[in-house]
Amino acid sequence: MPANPLPLTEPTAADFRAWHRVQSAALAHDRPGEPVPTQDDVRARLTEPVADSRLVLWLVRGAGEEAVATATLRLFSQPARSDVAEVEMTVHPAHRRMGAGSRLLFTVTEAARAAGCRSMVTEVMAGTSGEGFLATRDFRPVTRLTWLRLAMDEVPERIHKLPDVPHAGYRLAGWEGGAVPDGLAASFARARQDTAGPSAGGRDAADAPWAEARVREAAEAVARHGDHLLAVAAVCEVDGEVAGYTELVVPAARSGRARQYDTAVLPAHRGHGLGLWLKAAMLRRVRAEHPLITEVLADTADENRHMLAVNTALGYRPQRRTVRFRLELRRR
């Protein structure tokens, strides 16, 4: 492996195939039984633009030109987020513990520092060598997450009936993508802002403000992948404001695994069972509109005991645990 790998500025079809081989091998080794992304999935994730950010890529090859490791560094252009970079590194299982990860991390760290970043964040499987690798290189853990799986054919009928249970003072509303119903767009953006919690880097997500434009941009980013963003909100009947919401992404094929996104209830409206009500309504919607969805994957911070309890009540079962780390970048 070269001492200082160069960024991949114009990836070719062969580069994407090599990237896919590294990712597939690592996934099969670290998370056996998990669905493997297709080459098209890999290409889309690496090339499709995300608002207010750009990706720097590294594809490292060994002496025989075989793919050894990959890395992505996401740099943000928004002033509120430009000092934090997100990094994802993968080393092929056959090439681990040979120094490839250390040298690649050095290269990525220098690139983040050169871009003016003050810190980097990343996520690894809990209990794996990756956790120890980061801990011995000045990364500190900031969030521990439990990933849960819900089999749609195992959801009890009583869960699908929960949306019919009245919640005094509230009503349900739903939409797809950025098509927030008239009168709720501004309220939904405010709800996103007011429920923004600590991000992957352990900083306040409110530093990157939510507004109606950002709501649309987030939905458009999902749509560019061909996926479908579904939303269900609890609306307070007194003032017409969004009191809580849940979002879920259905894959482009409208079959297989869906991914649970954010679920949150504003502090003033907690204690009324809205979280369970919202998520049950979403599950019933998925069953009715996307019957070929077989499972839903969700991740929840371990400190969020209430949401873990809600997920357990719905039938989610733990699959794996991950740890988000942060590295402070010292100026040289």
C-alpha atoms as a PDB file:
ATOM      1  CA  MET A   1       0.000   0.000   0.000  1.00  0.00           C
ATOM      2  CA  PRO A   2       1.362   3.467  -0.841  1.00  0.00           C
ATOM      3  CA  ALA A   3       2.543   5.478   2.156  1.00  0.00           C
ATOM      4  CA  ASN A   4       0.238   8.357   1.175  1.00  0.00           C
ATOM      5  CA  PRO A   5      -2.792   7.189  -0.838  1.00  0.00           C
ATOM      6  CA  LEU A   6      -4.141   9.775  -3.246  1.00  0.00           C
ATOM      7  CA  PRO A   7      -7.820  10.752  -3.434  1.00  0.00           C
ATOM      8  CA  LEU A   8      -9.880   9.058  -6.126  1.00  0.00           C
ATOM      9  CA  THR A   9     -10.903  12.049  -8.228  1.00  0.00           C
ATOM     10  CA  GLU A  10     -12.381  10.361 -11.329  1.00  0.00           C
ATOM     11  CA  PRO A  11     -13.561   6.868 -10.348  1.00  0.00           C
ATOM     12  CA  THR A  12     -14.042   4.386 -13.163  1.00  0.00           C
ATOM     13  CA  ALA A  13     -16.400   1.436 -13.467  1.00  0.00           C
ATOM     14  CA  ALA A  14     -13.504  -0.792 -12.392  1.00  0.00           C
ATOM     15  CA  ASP A  15     -12.993   1.378  -9.300  1.00  0.00           C
ATOM     16  CA  PHE A  16     -16.642   1.004  -8.303  1.00  0.00           C
ATOM     17  CA  ARG A  17     -16.423  -2.777  -8.755  1.00  0.00           C
ATOM     18  CA  ALA A  18     -13.305  -2.878  -6.576  1.00  0.00           C
ATOM     19  CA  TRP A  19     -14.978  -0.682  -3.949  1.00  0.00           C
ATOM     20  CA  HIS A  20     -17.971  -3.017  -3.929  1.00  0.00           C
ATOM     21  CA  ARG A  21     -15.701  -6.051  -3.397  1.00  0.00           C
ATOM     22  CA  VAL A  22     -14.102  -4.496  -0.323  1.00  0.00           C
ATOM     23  CA  GLN A  23     -17.451  -3.436   1.133  1.00  0.00           C
ATOM     24  CA  SER A  24     -19.081  -6.818   0.463  1.00  0.00           C
ATOM     25  CA  ALA A  25     -16.218  -8.785   1.982  1.00  0.00           C
ATOM     26  CA  ALA A  26     -16.160  -6.603   5.092  1.00  0.00           C
ATOM     27  CA  LEU A  27     -19.935  -6.795   5.526  1.00  0.00           C
ATOM     28  CA  ALA A  28     -19.972 -10.586   5.173  1.00  0.00           C
ATOM     29  CA  HIS A  29     -17.180 -10.828   7.755  1.00  0.00           C
ATOM     30  CA  ASP A  30     -18.440  -8.270  10.291  1.00  0.00           C
ATOM     31  CA  ARG A  31     -22.210  -8.611   9.922  1.00  0.00           C
ATOM     32  CA  PRO A  32     -23.005 -12.073   8.516  1.00  0.00           C
ATOM     33  CA  GLY A  33     -26.533 -12.420   7.254  1.00  0.00           C
ATOM     34  CA  GLU A  34     -26.939  -8.710   6.512  1.00  0.00           C
ATOM     35  CA  PRO A  35     -28.076  -7.725   2.992  1.00  0.00           C
ATOM     36  CA  VAL A  36     -25.138  -6.790   0.749  1.00  0.00           C
ATOM     37  CA  PRO A  37     -25.487  -3.560  -1.264  1.00  0.00           C
ATOM     38  CA  THR A  38     -25.445  -3.868  -5.025  1.00  0.00           C
ATOM     39  CA  GLN A  39     -22.809  -2.213  -7.205  1.00  0.00           C
ATOM     40  CA  ASP A  40     -25.438   0.319  -8.251  1.00  0.00           C
ATOM     41  CA  ASP A  41     -26.079   1.105  -4.573  1.00  0.00           C
ATOM     42  CA  VAL A  42     -22.373   1.701  -4.020  1.00  0.00           C
ATOM     43  CA  ARG A  43     -22.042   3.916  -7.087  1.00  0.00           C
ATOM     44  CA  ALA A  44     -25.089   5.983  -6.107  1.00  0.00           C
ATOM     45  CA  ARG A  45     -23.875   6.511  -2.543  1.00  0.00           C
ATOM     46  CA  LEU A  46     -20.465   7.671  -3.767  1.00  0.00           C
ATOM     47  CA  THR A  47     -21.527   9.883  -6.654  1.00  0.00           C
ATOM     48  CA  GLU A  48     -24.966  11.351  -5.988  1.00  0.00           C
ATOM     49  CA  PRO A  49     -24.747  14.838  -4.475  1.00  0.00           C
ATOM     50  CA  VAL A  50     -25.930  15.591  -0.952  1.00  0.00           C
ATOM     51  CA  ALA A  51     -26.940  19.158  -0.200  1.00  0.00           C
ATOM     52  CA  ASP A  52     -24.247  21.347   1.356  1.00  0.00           C
ATOM     53  CA  SER A  53     -21.567  18.653   1.351  1.00  0.00           C
ATOM     54  CA  ARG A  54     -19.041  16.832  -0.796  1.00  0.00           C
ATOM     55  CA  LEU A  55     -17.245  13.490  -0.585  1.00  0.00           C
ATOM     56  CA  VAL A  56     -13.522  12.822  -0.853  1.00  0.00           C
ATOM     57  CA  LEU A  57     -12.793   9.189  -1.795  1.00  0.00           C
ATOM     58  CA  TRP A  58      -9.811   6.890  -1.372  1.00  0.00           C
ATOM     59  CA  LEU A  59      -9.519   3.426  -2.929  1.00  0.00           C
ATOM     60  CA  VAL A  60      -6.321   1.696  -1.850  1.00  0.00           C
ATOM     61  CA  ARG A  61      -4.841  -1.165  -3.860  1.00  0.00           C
ATOM     62  CA  GLY A  62      -2.160  -3.625  -2.793  1.00  0.00           C
ATOM     63  CA  ALA A  63       0.978  -4.764  -4.564  1.00  0.00           C
ATOM     64  CA  GLY A  64      -1.033  -6.985  -6.889  1.00  0.00           C
ATOM     65  CA  GLU A  65      -3.510  -4.198  -7.634  1.00  0.00           C
ATOM     66  CA  GLU A  66      -6.179  -5.918  -5.562  1.00  0.00           C
ATOM     67  CA  ALA A  67      -8.435  -3.589  -3.584  1.00  0.00           C
ATOM     68  CA  VAL A  68      -7.280  -3.391   0.036  1.00  0.00           C
ATOM     69  CA  ALA A  69      -9.242  -0.570   1.674  1.00  0.00           C
ATOM     70  CA  THR A  70     -11.672   2.283   1.065  1.00  0.00           C
ATOM     71  CA  ALA A  71     -12.385   5.560   2.805  1.00  0.00           C
ATOM     72  CA  THR A  72     -14.830   8.431   2.430  1.00  0.00           C
ATOM     73  CA  LEU A  73     -14.561  11.848   4.021  1.00  0.00           C
ATOM     74  CA  ARG A  74     -17.688  14.013   3.962  1.00  0.00           C
ATOM     75  CA  LEU A  75     -17.009  17.742   4.198  1.00  0.00           C
ATOM     76  CA  PHE A  76     -19.843  20.197   4.831  1.00  0.00           C
ATOM     77  CA  SER A  77     -20.154  23.673   3.359  1.00  0.00           C
ATOM     78  CA  GLN A  78     -22.702  25.030   5.858  1.00  0.00           C
ATOM     79  CA  PRO A  79     -20.828  27.324   8.280  1.00  0.00           C
ATOM     80  CA  ALA A  80     -22.527  25.670  11.263  1.00  0.00           C
ATOM     81  CA  ARG A  81     -21.252  22.230  10.220  1.00  0.00           C
ATOM     82  CA  SER A  82     -18.075  22.927   8.287  1.00  0.00           C
ATOM     83  CA  ASP A  83     -15.797  22.237  11.240  1.00  0.00           C
ATOM     84  CA  VAL A  84     -16.903  18.578  11.570  1.00  0.00           C
ATOM     85  CA  ALA A  85     -16.111  15.897   8.986  1.00  0.00           C
ATOM     86  CA  GLU A  86     -17.665  12.450   8.734  1.00  0.00           C
ATOM     87  CA  VAL A  87     -15.338   9.569   7.883  1.00  0.00           C
ATOM     88  CA  GLU A  88     -16.041   5.978   6.918  1.00  0.00           C
ATOM     89  CA  MET A  89     -13.157   3.532   6.516  1.00  0.00           C
ATOM     90  CA  THR A  90     -13.269  -0.114   5.466  1.00  0.00           C
ATOM     91  CA  VAL A  91     -10.353  -2.533   5.274  1.00  0.00           C
ATOM     92  CA  HIS A  92     -10.771  -5.863   3.487  1.00  0.00           C
ATOM     93  CA  PRO A  93     -10.744  -8.648   6.117  1.00  0.00           C
ATOM     94  CA  ALA A  94      -7.804 -10.356   4.379  1.00  0.00           C
ATOM     95  CA  HIS A  95      -5.672  -7.214   4.760  1.00  0.00           C
ATOM     96  CA  ARG A  96      -6.400  -6.216   8.349  1.00  0.00           C
ATOM     97  CA  ARG A  97      -3.727  -5.834  11.036  1.00  0.00           C
ATOM     98  CA  MET A  98      -1.119  -5.094   8.364  1.00  0.00           C
ATOM     99  CA  GLY A  99      -0.944  -1.327   8.763  1.00  0.00           C
ATOM    100  CA  ALA A 100      -3.337  -0.405   5.948  1.00  0.00           C
ATOM    101  CA  GLY A 101      -5.918   1.084   8.301  1.00  0.00           C
ATOM    102  CA  SER A 102      -3.382   3.155  10.231  1.00  0.00           C
ATOM    103  CA  ARG A 103      -1.850   4.676   7.122  1.00  0.00           C
ATOM    104  CA  LEU A 104      -5.220   5.368   5.543  1.00  0.00           C
ATOM    105  CA  LEU A 105      -6.491   6.998   8.732  1.00  0.00           C
ATOM    106  CA  PHE A 106      -3.450   9.269   8.791  1.00  0.00           C
ATOM    107  CA  THR A 107      -4.142  10.331   5.205  1.00  0.00           C
ATOM    108  CA  VAL A 108      -7.836  11.014   5.858  1.00  0.00           C
ATOM    109  CA  THR A 109      -7.086  12.903   9.070  1.00  0.00           C
ATOM    110  CA  GLU A 110      -4.605  15.168   7.298  1.00  0.00           C
ATOM    111  CA  ALA A 111      -7.171  15.842   4.571  1.00  0.00           C
ATOM    112  CA  ALA A 112      -9.799  16.812   7.160  1.00  0.00           C
ATOM    113  CA  ARG A 113      -7.323  19.075   8.938  1.00  0.00           C
ATOM    114  CA  ALA A 114      -6.311  20.698   5.652  1.00  0.00           C
ATOM    115  CA  ALA A 115      -9.999  21.382   4.927  1.00  0.00           C
ATOM    116  CA  GLY A 116     -10.229  23.371   8.161  1.00  0.00           C
ATOM    117  CA  CYS A 117     -12.091  20.783  10.206  1.00  0.00           C
ATOM    118  CA  ARG A 118     -11.737  20.736  13.967  1.00  0.00           C
ATOM    119  CA  SER A 119     -13.033  17.202  14.470  1.00  0.00           C
ATOM    120  CA  MET A 120     -13.969  13.963  12.691  1.00  0.00           C
ATOM    121  CA  VAL A 121     -16.755  11.512  13.532  1.00  0.00           C
ATOM    122  CA  THR A 122     -17.171   7.867  12.564  1.00  0.00           C
ATOM    123  CA  GLU A 123     -19.079   4.738  13.599  1.00  0.00           C
ATOM    124  CA  VAL A 124     -17.946   1.139  14.137  1.00  0.00           C
ATOM    125  CA  MET A 125     -19.401  -2.137  15.347  1.00  0.00           C
ATOM    126  CA  ALA A 126     -19.285  -2.490  19.114  1.00  0.00           C
ATOM    127  CA  GLY A 127     -17.013  -5.193  20.452  1.00  0.00           C
ATOM    128  CA  THR A 128     -14.930  -5.436  17.283  1.00  0.00           C
ATOM    129  CA  SER A 129     -11.291  -4.634  16.604  1.00  0.00           C
ATOM    130  CA  GLY A 130     -12.441  -1.344  15.055  1.00  0.00           C
ATOM    131  CA  GLU A 131     -13.522  -0.084  18.463  1.00  0.00           C
ATOM    132  CA  GLY A 132     -10.093  -0.732  19.923  1.00  0.00           C
ATOM    133  CA  PHE A 133      -8.397   0.661  16.831  1.00  0.00           C
ATOM    134  CA  LEU A 134     -10.115   4.031  17.276  1.00  0.00           C
ATOM    135  CA  ALA A 135      -9.766   4.133  21.060  1.00  0.00           C
ATOM    136  CA  THR A 136      -5.984   3.823  20.804  1.00  0.00           C
ATOM    137  CA  ARG A 137      -5.830   6.682  18.292  1.00  0.00           C
ATOM    138  CA  ASP A 138      -7.387   9.405  20.456  1.00  0.00           C
ATOM    139  CA  PHE A 139     -10.975   8.914  19.294  1.00  0.00           C
ATOM    140  CA  ARG A 140     -13.501   9.085  22.114  1.00  0.00           C
ATOM    141  CA  PRO A 141     -16.915   7.381  22.167  1.00  0.00           C
ATOM    142  CA  VAL A 142     -19.834   9.810  22.126  1.00  0.00           C
ATOM    143  CA  THR A 143     -22.907   7.672  21.396  1.00  0.00           C
ATOM    144  CA  ARG A 144     -23.728   3.986  21.710  1.00  0.00           C
ATOM    145  CA  LEU A 145     -26.516   2.695  19.478  1.00  0.00           C
ATOM    146  CA  THR A 146     -28.638  -0.436  19.391  1.00  0.00           C
ATOM    147  CA  TRP A 147     -29.825  -1.550  15.955  1.00  0.00           C
ATOM    148  CA  LEU A 148     -33.158  -3.359  15.929  1.00  0.00           C
ATOM    149  CA  ARG A 149     -35.091  -5.397  13.369  1.00  0.00           C
ATOM    150  CA  LEU A 150     -38.845  -5.760  13.070  1.00  0.00           C
ATOM    151  CA  ALA A 151     -40.297  -8.581  10.948  1.00  0.00           C
ATOM    152  CA  MET A 152     -43.508  -7.258   9.394  1.00  0.00           C
ATOM    153  CA  ASP A 153     -45.201 -10.659   9.425  1.00  0.00           C
ATOM    154  CA  GLU A 154     -44.647 -10.859  13.184  1.00  0.00           C
ATOM    155  CA  VAL A 155     -46.321  -7.548  14.069  1.00  0.00           C
ATOM    156  CA  PRO A 156     -49.363  -8.399  16.209  1.00  0.00           C
ATOM    157  CA  GLU A 157     -52.746  -7.282  14.944  1.00  0.00           C
ATOM    158  CA  ARG A 158     -53.220  -5.290  18.153  1.00  0.00           C
ATOM    159  CA  ILE A 159     -50.341  -3.031  17.029  1.00  0.00           C
ATOM    160  CA  HIS A 160     -52.053  -2.343  13.708  1.00  0.00           C
ATOM    161  CA  LYS A 161     -55.195  -1.355  15.625  1.00  0.00           C
ATOM    162  CA  LEU A 162     -53.409   1.162  17.861  1.00  0.00           C
ATOM    163  CA  PRO A 163     -53.812   4.086  15.398  1.00  0.00           C
ATOM    164  CA  ASP A 164     -57.596   3.788  15.904  1.00  0.00           C
ATOM    165  CA  VAL A 165     -57.263   4.503  19.623  1.00  0.00           C
ATOM    166  CA  PRO A 166     -58.190   8.193  20.164  1.00  0.00           C
ATOM    167  CA  HIS A 167     -55.611  10.492  21.697  1.00  0.00           C
ATOM    168  CA  ALA A 168     -57.559  13.437  23.057  1.00  0.00           C
ATOM    169  CA  GLY A 169     -56.412  16.709  21.543  1.00  0.00           C
ATOM    170  CA  TYR A 170     -54.402  15.160  18.715  1.00  0.00           C
ATOM    171  CA  ARG A 171     -54.935  13.876  15.182  1.00  0.00           C
ATOM    172  CA  LEU A 172     -52.714  12.017  12.737  1.00  0.00           C
ATOM    173  CA  ALA A 173     -51.483  13.384   9.403  1.00  0.00           C
ATOM    174  CA  GLY A 174     -49.282  11.729   6.797  1.00  0.00           C
ATOM    175  CA  TRP A 175     -47.406  12.537   3.597  1.00  0.00           C
ATOM    176  CA  GLU A 176     -44.654  11.294   1.288  1.00  0.00           C
ATOM    177  CA  GLY A 177     -41.382  13.004   0.418  1.00  0.00           C
ATOM    178  CA  GLY A 178     -41.337  16.762   0.751  1.00  0.00           C
ATOM    179  CA  ALA A 179     -45.073  17.098   0.107  1.00  0.00           C
ATOM    180  CA  VAL A 180     -45.907  18.295   3.618  1.00  0.00           C
ATOM    181  CA  PRO A 181     -49.621  19.235   3.792  1.00  0.00           C
ATOM    182  CA  ASP A 182     -50.497  22.926   3.597  1.00  0.00           C
ATOM    183  CA  GLY A 183     -50.282  24.552   6.970  1.00  0.00           C
ATOM    184  CA  LEU A 184     -47.892  21.974   8.432  1.00  0.00           C
ATOM    185  CA  ALA A 185     -44.642  22.695   6.560  1.00  0.00           C
ATOM    186  CA  ALA A 186     -43.417  25.470   8.847  1.00  0.00           C
ATOM    187  CA  SER A 187     -44.663  23.658  11.942  1.00  0.00           C
ATOM    188  CA  PHE A 188     -42.911  20.439  10.907  1.00  0.00           C
ATOM    189  CA  ALA A 189     -39.638  22.284  10.361  1.00  0.00           C
ATOM    190  CA  ARG A 190     -39.980  23.850  13.824  1.00  0.00           C
ATOM    191  CA  ALA A 191     -40.653  20.421  15.308  1.00  0.00           C
ATOM    192  CA  ARG A 192     -37.520  19.054  13.654  1.00  0.00           C
ATOM    193  CA  GLN A 193     -35.542  21.957  15.057  1.00  0.00           C
ATOM    194  CA  ASP A 194     -37.002  21.695  18.557  1.00  0.00           C
ATOM    195  CA  THR A 195     -36.374  17.945  18.821  1.00  0.00           C
ATOM    196  CA  ALA A 196     -32.883  17.989  17.335  1.00  0.00           C
ATOM    197  CA  GLY A 197     -30.598  16.202  19.776  1.00  0.00           C
ATOM    198  CA  PRO A 198     -26.885  15.407  19.940  1.00  0.00           C
ATOM    199  CA  SER A 199     -25.530  14.359  16.569  1.00  0.00           C
ATOM    200  CA  ALA A 200     -22.974  11.704  15.724  1.00  0.00           C
ATOM    201  CA  GLY A 201     -20.213  14.008  16.763  1.00  0.00           C
ATOM    202  CA  GLY A 202     -21.662  14.771  20.139  1.00  0.00           C
ATOM    203  CA  ARG A 203     -22.513  18.346  19.185  1.00  0.00           C
ATOM    204  CA  ASP A 204     -25.873  20.036  19.119  1.00  0.00           C
ATOM    205  CA  ALA A 205     -27.651  19.219  15.881  1.00  0.00           C
ATOM    206  CA  ALA A 206     -29.470  22.521  16.223  1.00  0.00           C
ATOM    207  CA  ASP A 207     -26.240  24.142  15.043  1.00  0.00           C
ATOM    208  CA  ALA A 208     -27.425  23.155  11.556  1.00  0.00           C
ATOM    209  CA  PRO A 209     -30.911  24.731  11.649  1.00  0.00           C
ATOM    210  CA  TRP A 210     -33.981  22.989  10.317  1.00  0.00           C
ATOM    211  CA  ALA A 211     -36.167  25.094   8.047  1.00  0.00           C
ATOM    212  CA  GLU A 212     -38.705  24.331   5.335  1.00  0.00           C
ATOM    213  CA  ALA A 213     -35.944  24.350   2.706  1.00  0.00           C
ATOM    214  CA  ARG A 214     -33.916  21.785   4.607  1.00  0.00           C
ATOM    215  CA  VAL A 215     -36.986  19.555   4.977  1.00  0.00           C
ATOM    216  CA  ARG A 216     -37.395  19.604   1.182  1.00  0.00           C
ATOM    217  CA  GLU A 217     -33.681  18.986   0.612  1.00  0.00           C
ATOM    218  CA  ALA A 218     -33.710  15.961   2.911  1.00  0.00           C
ATOM    219  CA  ALA A 219     -36.674  14.487   1.036  1.00  0.00           C
ATOM    220  CA  GLU A 220     -35.051  15.205  -2.327  1.00  0.00           C
ATOM    221  CA  ALA A 221     -31.870  13.430  -1.244  1.00  0.00           C
ATOM    222  CA  VAL A 222     -33.902  10.285  -0.522  1.00  0.00           C
ATOM    223  CA  ALA A 223     -35.768  10.584  -3.829  1.00  0.00           C
ATOM    224  CA  ARG A 224     -32.526  10.846  -5.815  1.00  0.00           C
ATOM    225  CA  HIS A 225     -31.776   7.284  -4.735  1.00  0.00           C
ATOM    226  CA  GLY A 226     -35.193   6.232  -5.986  1.00  0.00           C
ATOM    227  CA  ASP A 227     -36.359   5.607  -2.428  1.00  0.00           C
ATOM    228  CA  HIS A 228     -39.586   6.804  -0.811  1.00  0.00           C
ATOM    229  CA  LEU A 229     -39.669   8.897   2.377  1.00  0.00           C
ATOM    230  CA  LEU A 230     -42.881   8.437   4.378  1.00  0.00           C
ATOM    231  CA  ALA A 231     -43.888  10.672   7.282  1.00  0.00           C
ATOM    232  CA  VAL A 232     -46.607  10.522   9.910  1.00  0.00           C
ATOM    233  CA  ALA A 233     -47.200  13.381  12.356  1.00  0.00           C
ATOM    234  CA  ALA A 234     -49.286  13.927  15.448  1.00  0.00           C
ATOM    235  CA  VAL A 235     -50.941  17.354  15.185  1.00  0.00           C
ATOM    236  CA  CYS A 236     -52.161  19.265  18.231  1.00  0.00           C
ATOM    237  CA  GLU A 237     -55.798  20.197  17.634  1.00  0.00           C
ATOM    238  CA  VAL A 238     -55.555  23.259  19.871  1.00  0.00           C
ATOM    239  CA  ASP A 239     -52.969  25.190  17.862  1.00  0.00           C
ATOM    240  CA  GLY A 240     -52.569  23.078  14.705  1.00  0.00           C
ATOM    241  CA  GLU A 241     -48.842  22.558  15.399  1.00  0.00           C
ATOM    242  CA  VAL A 242     -46.902  19.327  14.843  1.00  0.00           C
ATOM    243  CA  ALA A 243     -46.455  17.711  18.255  1.00  0.00           C
ATOM    244  CA  GLY A 244     -44.469  14.699  17.101  1.00  0.00           C
ATOM    245  CA  TYR A 245     -43.476  12.814  13.976  1.00  0.00           C
ATOM    246  CA  THR A 246     -41.916   9.659  12.604  1.00  0.00           C
ATOM    247  CA  GLU A 247     -40.214   9.040   9.252  1.00  0.00           C
ATOM    248  CA  LEU A 248     -39.453   5.822   7.381  1.00  0.00           C
ATOM    249  CA  VAL A 249     -37.735   5.126   4.055  1.00  0.00           C
ATOM    250  CA  VAL A 250     -39.041   2.467   1.677  1.00  0.00           C
ATOM    251  CA  PRO A 251     -36.408   1.252  -0.834  1.00  0.00           C
ATOM    252  CA  ALA A 252     -36.790   1.906  -4.532  1.00  0.00           C
ATOM    253  CA  ALA A 253     -37.904  -1.681  -5.188  1.00  0.00           C
ATOM    254  CA  ARG A 254     -40.731  -1.208  -2.643  1.00  0.00           C
ATOM    255  CA  SER A 255     -39.837  -4.597  -1.220  1.00  0.00           C
ATOM    256  CA  GLY A 256     -37.468  -6.130   1.308  1.00  0.00           C
ATOM    257  CA  ARG A 257     -36.097  -3.949   4.099  1.00  0.00           C
ATOM    258  CA  ALA A 258     -37.354  -0.478   5.003  1.00  0.00           C
ATOM    259  CA  ARG A 259     -35.368   1.864   7.213  1.00  0.00           C
ATOM    260  CA  GLN A 260     -36.791   3.734  10.184  1.00  0.00           C
ATOM    261  CA  TYR A 261     -35.594   7.342  10.292  1.00  0.00           C
ATOM    262  CA  ASP A 262     -36.285   9.914  13.012  1.00  0.00           C
ATOM    263  CA  THR A 263     -39.069   9.638  15.563  1.00  0.00           C
ATOM    264  CA  ALA A 264     -39.536  12.425  18.102  1.00  0.00           C
ATOM    265  CA  VAL A 265     -42.182  14.074  20.283  1.00  0.00           C
ATOM    266  CA  LEU A 266     -41.838  17.679  21.427  1.00  0.00           C
ATOM    267  CA  PRO A 267     -41.215  17.991  25.168  1.00  0.00           C
ATOM    268  CA  ALA A 268     -44.513  19.769  25.830  1.00  0.00           C
ATOM    269  CA  HIS A 269     -46.443  16.836  24.354  1.00  0.00           C
ATOM    270  CA  ARG A 270     -44.653  13.915  25.977  1.00  0.00           C
ATOM    271  CA  GLY A 271     -46.382  11.554  28.354  1.00  0.00           C
ATOM    272  CA  HIS A 272     -49.419  10.984  26.113  1.00  0.00           C
ATOM    273  CA  GLY A 273     -48.221   7.862  24.293  1.00  0.00           C
ATOM    274  CA  LEU A 274     -47.693   9.718  21.020  1.00  0.00           C
ATOM    275  CA  GLY A 275     -44.460   7.904  20.129  1.00  0.00           C
ATOM    276  CA  LEU A 276     -46.101   4.471  20.149  1.00  0.00           C
ATOM    277  CA  TRP A 277     -49.190   5.871  18.392  1.00  0.00           C
ATOM    278  CA  LEU A 278     -47.094   7.412  15.604  1.00  0.00           C
ATOM    279  CA  LYS A 279     -44.936   4.372  14.972  1.00  0.00           C
ATOM    280  CA  ALA A 280     -47.921   2.020  14.996  1.00  0.00           C
ATOM    281  CA  ALA A 281     -49.636   4.260  12.439  1.00  0.00           C
ATOM    282  CA  MET A 282     -46.524   4.129  10.256  1.00  0.00           C
ATOM    283  CA  LEU A 283     -46.393   0.327  10.408  1.00  0.00           C
ATOM    284  CA  ARG A 284     -50.037   0.071   9.394  1.00  0.00           C
ATOM    285  CA  ARG A 285     -49.388   2.462   6.527  1.00  0.00           C
ATOM    286  CA  VAL A 286     -46.429   0.398   5.326  1.00  0.00           C
ATOM    287  CA  ARG A 287     -48.460  -2.797   5.462  1.00  0.00           C
ATOM    288  CA  ALA A 288     -51.276  -1.213   3.453  1.00  0.00           C
ATOM    289  CA  GLU A 289     -49.240   0.723   0.878  1.00  0.00           C
ATOM    290  CA  HIS A 290     -46.106  -1.432   0.573  1.00  0.00           C
ATOM    291  CA  PRO A 291     -47.097  -5.043   1.261  1.00  0.00           C
ATOM    292  CA  LEU A 292     -43.796  -6.416  -0.089  1.00  0.00           C
ATOM    293  CA  ILE A 293     -41.802  -4.793   2.712  1.00  0.00           C
ATOM    294  CA  THR A 294     -40.713  -7.691   4.909  1.00  0.00           C
ATOM    295  CA  GLU A 295     -38.787  -5.953   7.674  1.00  0.00           C
ATOM    296  CA  VAL A 296     -37.870  -2.593   9.173  1.00  0.00           C
ATOM    297  CA  LEU A 297     -34.450  -1.659  10.569  1.00  0.00           C
ATOM    298  CA  ALA A 298     -34.096   1.012  13.250  1.00  0.00           C
ATOM    299  CA  ASP A 299     -31.261   2.396  15.363  1.00  0.00           C
ATOM    300  CA  THR A 300     -31.737   3.973  18.781  1.00  0.00           C
ATOM    301  CA  ALA A 301     -29.263   5.610  21.122  1.00  0.00           C
ATOM    302  CA  ASP A 302     -28.838   3.511  24.262  1.00  0.00           C
ATOM    303  CA  GLU A 303     -29.591   6.504  26.480  1.00  0.00           C
ATOM    304  CA  ASN A 304     -32.997   6.886  24.813  1.00  0.00           C
ATOM    305  CA  ARG A 305     -34.655   4.348  27.094  1.00  0.00           C
ATOM    306  CA  HIS A 306     -38.162   5.515  26.239  1.00  0.00           C
ATOM    307  CA  MET A 307     -37.769   4.895  22.486  1.00  0.00           C
ATOM    308  CA  LEU A 308     -36.090   1.539  23.114  1.00  0.00           C
ATOM    309  CA  ALA A 309     -39.158   0.583  25.165  1.00  0.00           C
ATOM    310  CA  VAL A 310     -41.485   1.772  22.383  1.00  0.00           C
ATOM    311  CA  ASN A 311     -39.578  -0.270  19.797  1.00  0.00           C
ATOM    312  CA  THR A 312     -39.670  -3.350  22.022  1.00  0.00           C
ATOM    313  CA  ALA A 313     -43.432  -2.963  22.468  1.00  0.00           C
ATOM    314  CA  LEU A 314     -43.837  -2.874  18.686  1.00  0.00           C
ATOM    315  CA  GLY A 315     -41.882  -6.112  18.303  1.00  0.00           C
ATOM    316  CA  TYR A 316     -38.410  -4.872  17.338  1.00  0.00           C
ATOM    317  CA  ARG A 317     -35.563  -7.171  18.369  1.00  0.00           C
ATOM    318  CA  PRO A 318     -31.883  -6.194  18.835  1.00  0.00           C
ATOM    319  CA  GLN A 319     -29.565  -7.111  15.946  1.00  0.00           C
ATOM    320  CA  ARG A 320     -26.248  -5.407  16.714  1.00  0.00           C
ATOM    321  CA  ARG A 321     -24.665  -2.496  18.537  1.00  0.00           C
ATOM    322  CA  THR A 322     -22.442   0.268  17.224  1.00  0.00           C
ATOM    323  CA  VAL A 323     -20.406   3.088  18.722  1.00  0.00           C
ATOM    324  CA  ARG A 324     -19.974   6.587  17.313  1.00  0.00           C
ATOM    325  CA  PHE A 325     -16.566   8.115  17.921  1.00  0.00           C
ATOM    326  CA  ARG A 326     -15.178  11.612  17.661  1.00  0.00           C
ATOM    327  CA  LEU A 327     -11.590  12.777  17.140  1.00  0.00           C
ATOM    328  CA  GLU A 328     -10.498  16.313  17.970  1.00  0.00           C
ATOM    329  CA  LEU A 329      -8.085  17.579  15.312  1.00  0.00           C
ATOM    330  CA  ARG A 330      -5.215  19.530  16.764  1.00  0.00           C
ATOM    331  CA  ARG A 331      -3.610  22.199  14.608  1.00  0.00           C
ATOM    332  CA  ARG A 332      -0.067  21.458  13.528  1.00  0.00           C
END
